[in-house]
C-alpha atoms as a PDB file:
ATOM      1  CA  UNK A   1     -42.600  -5.110 -20.661  1.00  0.00           C
ATOM      2  CA  UNK A   2     -39.198  -6.759 -21.153  1.00  0.00           C
ATOM      3  CA  UNK A   3     -36.816  -7.599 -18.328  1.00  0.00           C
ATOM      4  CA  UNK A   4     -34.547  -4.778 -19.504  1.00  0.00           C
ATOM      5  CA  UNK A   5     -37.407  -2.276 -19.376  1.00  0.00           C
ATOM      6  CA  UNK A   6     -38.467  -3.551 -15.951  1.00  0.00           C
ATOM      7  CA  UNK A   7     -34.916  -3.159 -14.621  1.00  0.00           C
ATOM      8  CA  UNK A   8     -34.781   0.376 -15.976  1.00  0.00           C
ATOM      9  CA  UNK A   9     -38.058   1.023 -14.148  1.00  0.00           C
ATOM     10  CA  UNK A  10     -36.543  -0.391 -10.930  1.00  0.00           C
ATOM     11  CA  UNK A  11     -33.574   1.960 -11.333  1.00  0.00           C
ATOM     12  CA  UNK A  12     -35.851   4.953 -11.899  1.00  0.00           C
ATOM     13  CA  UNK A  13     -37.868   4.005  -8.808  1.00  0.00           C
ATOM     14  CA  UNK A  14     -34.701   3.703  -6.728  1.00  0.00           C
ATOM     15  CA  UNK A  15     -33.668   7.194  -7.835  1.00  0.00           C
ATOM     16  CA  UNK A  16     -37.130   8.401  -6.801  1.00  0.00           C
ATOM     17  CA  UNK A  17     -36.757   6.655  -3.417  1.00  0.00           C
ATOM     18  CA  UNK A  18     -33.400   8.336  -2.813  1.00  0.00           C
ATOM     19  CA  UNK A  19     -34.851  11.743  -3.723  1.00  0.00           C
ATOM     20  CA  UNK A  20     -37.823  11.134  -1.402  1.00  0.00           C
ATOM     21  CA  UNK A  21     -35.516  10.082   1.438  1.00  0.00           C
ATOM     22  CA  UNK A  22     -33.400  13.209   0.972  1.00  0.00           C
ATOM     23  CA  UNK A  23     -36.537  15.370   0.994  1.00  0.00           C
ATOM     24  CA  UNK A  24     -38.205  13.456   3.849  1.00  0.00           C
ATOM     25  CA  UNK A  25     -41.235  13.064   1.553  1.00  0.00           C
ATOM     26  CA  UNK A  26     -43.083  10.051   2.935  1.00  0.00           C
ATOM     27  CA  UNK A  27     -45.816  10.052   0.279  1.00  0.00           C
ATOM     28  CA  UNK A  28     -43.259  10.106  -2.553  1.00  0.00           C
ATOM     29  CA  UNK A  29     -41.277   7.359  -0.830  1.00  0.00           C
ATOM     30  CA  UNK A  30     -44.378   5.166  -0.578  1.00  0.00           C
ATOM     31  CA  UNK A  31     -45.228   5.712  -4.267  1.00  0.00           C
ATOM     32  CA  UNK A  32     -41.684   4.989  -5.408  1.00  0.00           C
ATOM     33  CA  UNK A  33     -41.483   1.874  -3.250  1.00  0.00           C
ATOM     34  CA  UNK A  34     -44.786   0.498  -4.545  1.00  0.00           C
ATOM     35  CA  UNK A  35     -43.751   1.200  -8.141  1.00  0.00           C
ATOM     36  CA  UNK A  36     -40.403  -0.494  -7.486  1.00  0.00           C
ATOM     37  CA  UNK A  37     -42.113  -3.602  -6.125  1.00  0.00           C
ATOM     38  CA  UNK A  38     -44.271  -3.852  -9.249  1.00  0.00           C
ATOM     39  CA  UNK A  39     -41.177  -3.504 -11.451  1.00  0.00           C
ATOM     40  CA  UNK A  40     -39.281  -6.109  -9.408  1.00  0.00           C
ATOM     41  CA  UNK A  41     -42.216  -8.514  -9.772  1.00  0.00           C
ATOM     42  CA  UNK A  42     -42.016  -7.982 -13.532  1.00  0.00           C
ATOM     43  CA  UNK A  43     -38.283  -8.707 -13.512  1.00  0.00           C
ATOM     44  CA  UNK A  44     -39.001 -11.913 -11.562  1.00  0.00           C
ATOM     45  CA  UNK A  45     -41.206 -13.170 -14.398  1.00  0.00           C
ATOM     46  CA  UNK A  46     -38.011 -13.636 -16.433  1.00  0.00           C
ATOM     47  CA  UNK A  47     -36.222 -15.608 -13.695  1.00  0.00           C
ATOM     48  CA  UNK A  48     -35.650 -18.699 -15.853  1.00  0.00           C
ATOM     49  CA  UNK A  49     -33.930 -16.808 -18.651  1.00  0.00           C
ATOM     50  CA  UNK A  50     -30.174 -16.343 -18.717  1.00  0.00           C
ATOM     51  CA  UNK A  51     -29.341 -12.632 -18.379  1.00  0.00           C
ATOM     52  CA  UNK A  52     -27.272 -10.954 -21.052  1.00  0.00           C
ATOM     53  CA  UNK A  53     -24.492  -8.458 -20.349  1.00  0.00           C
ATOM     54  CA  UNK A  54     -26.814  -5.439 -20.460  1.00  0.00           C
ATOM     55  CA  UNK A  55     -29.271  -7.030 -18.025  1.00  0.00           C
ATOM     56  CA  UNK A  56     -26.420  -7.924 -15.651  1.00  0.00           C
ATOM     57  CA  UNK A  57     -25.142  -4.344 -15.856  1.00  0.00           C
ATOM     58  CA  UNK A  58     -28.606  -2.931 -15.117  1.00  0.00           C
ATOM     59  CA  UNK A  59     -29.044  -5.352 -12.225  1.00  0.00           C
ATOM     60  CA  UNK A  60     -25.673  -4.274 -10.801  1.00  0.00           C
ATOM     61  CA  UNK A  61     -26.698  -0.618 -11.048  1.00  0.00           C
ATOM     62  CA  UNK A  62     -30.006  -1.400  -9.315  1.00  0.00           C
ATOM     63  CA  UNK A  63     -28.109  -3.219  -6.571  1.00  0.00           C
ATOM     64  CA  UNK A  64     -25.813  -0.216  -5.991  1.00  0.00           C
ATOM     65  CA  UNK A  65     -28.774   2.147  -5.809  1.00  0.00           C
ATOM     66  CA  UNK A  66     -30.566  -0.178  -3.405  1.00  0.00           C
ATOM     67  CA  UNK A  67     -27.479  -0.161  -1.174  1.00  0.00           C
ATOM     68  CA  UNK A  68     -27.517   3.641  -1.282  1.00  0.00           C
ATOM     69  CA  UNK A  69     -31.150   3.597  -0.137  1.00  0.00           C
ATOM     70  CA  UNK A  70     -30.266   1.176   2.652  1.00  0.00           C
ATOM     71  CA  UNK A  71     -27.463   3.456   3.849  1.00  0.00           C
ATOM     72  CA  UNK A  72     -29.781   6.485   3.878  1.00  0.00           C
ATOM     73  CA  UNK A  73     -32.384   4.581   5.886  1.00  0.00           C
ATOM     74  CA  UNK A  74     -29.791   3.300   8.363  1.00  0.00           C
ATOM     75  CA  UNK A  75     -28.357   6.798   8.841  1.00  0.00           C
ATOM     76  CA  UNK A  76     -31.810   8.249   9.364  1.00  0.00           C
ATOM     77  CA  UNK A  77     -32.650   5.544  11.903  1.00  0.00           C
ATOM     78  CA  UNK A  78     -29.385   6.151  13.759  1.00  0.00           C
ATOM     79  CA  UNK A  79     -30.061   9.885  13.845  1.00  0.00           C
ATOM     80  CA  UNK A  80     -33.581   9.336  15.183  1.00  0.00           C
ATOM     81  CA  UNK A  81     -32.284   6.908  17.817  1.00  0.00           C
ATOM     82  CA  UNK A  82     -29.621   9.375  18.940  1.00  0.00           C
ATOM     83  CA  UNK A  83     -32.103  12.258  19.045  1.00  0.00           C
ATOM     84  CA  UNK A  84     -34.581  10.202  21.088  1.00  0.00           C
ATOM     85  CA  UNK A  85     -31.836   9.213  23.502  1.00  0.00           C
ATOM     86  CA  UNK A  86     -30.851  12.839  23.947  1.00  0.00           C
ATOM     87  CA  UNK A  87     -34.462  13.980  24.377  1.00  0.00           C
ATOM     88  CA  UNK A  88     -35.078  11.294  26.999  1.00  0.00           C
ATOM     89  CA  UNK A  89     -31.973  12.281  28.944  1.00  0.00           C
ATOM     90  CA  UNK A  90     -30.032   9.116  28.131  1.00  0.00           C
ATOM     91  CA  UNK A  91     -26.361   9.335  27.410  1.00  0.00           C
ATOM     92  CA  UNK A  92     -26.070   8.609  23.687  1.00  0.00           C
ATOM     93  CA  UNK A  93     -22.794   7.016  22.554  1.00  0.00           C
ATOM     94  CA  UNK A  94     -20.808   8.961  19.973  1.00  0.00           C
ATOM     95  CA  UNK A  95     -20.330   7.324  16.599  1.00  0.00           C
ATOM     96  CA  UNK A  96     -16.995   6.632  14.976  1.00  0.00           C
ATOM     97  CA  UNK A  97     -16.027   4.876  11.765  1.00  0.00           C
ATOM     98  CA  UNK A  98     -15.663   1.405  13.320  1.00  0.00           C
ATOM     99  CA  UNK A  99     -18.767   1.594  15.502  1.00  0.00           C
ATOM    100  CA  UNK A 100     -19.452   3.194  18.856  1.00  0.00           C
ATOM    101  CA  UNK A 101     -16.946   5.200  20.834  1.00  0.00           C
ATOM    102  CA  UNK A 102     -17.277   5.724  24.534  1.00  0.00           C
ATOM    103  CA  UNK A 103     -18.451   9.243  25.214  1.00  0.00           C
END
């Protein structure tokens, strides 16, 4: 597998991760994550080679998708934290764009 093909695989896995996160499908998320790790390891085999424009473009797309996954995970964690605080009777701070707002 070439570095280009491995990066395309990483991108496909990131799309699968995002879909699994949206669907709350833990099994699909685990599969996509494991497949992504394998693809990333393949990309790493080409670490000494200078990337061409297409490889840089694919890497940038993978980076954007990874950031999207990170945002989904952070939002889910914040929602769980807030729900747990409410269920335990703790006053949960309201969120605003720049951080917490006093409720």
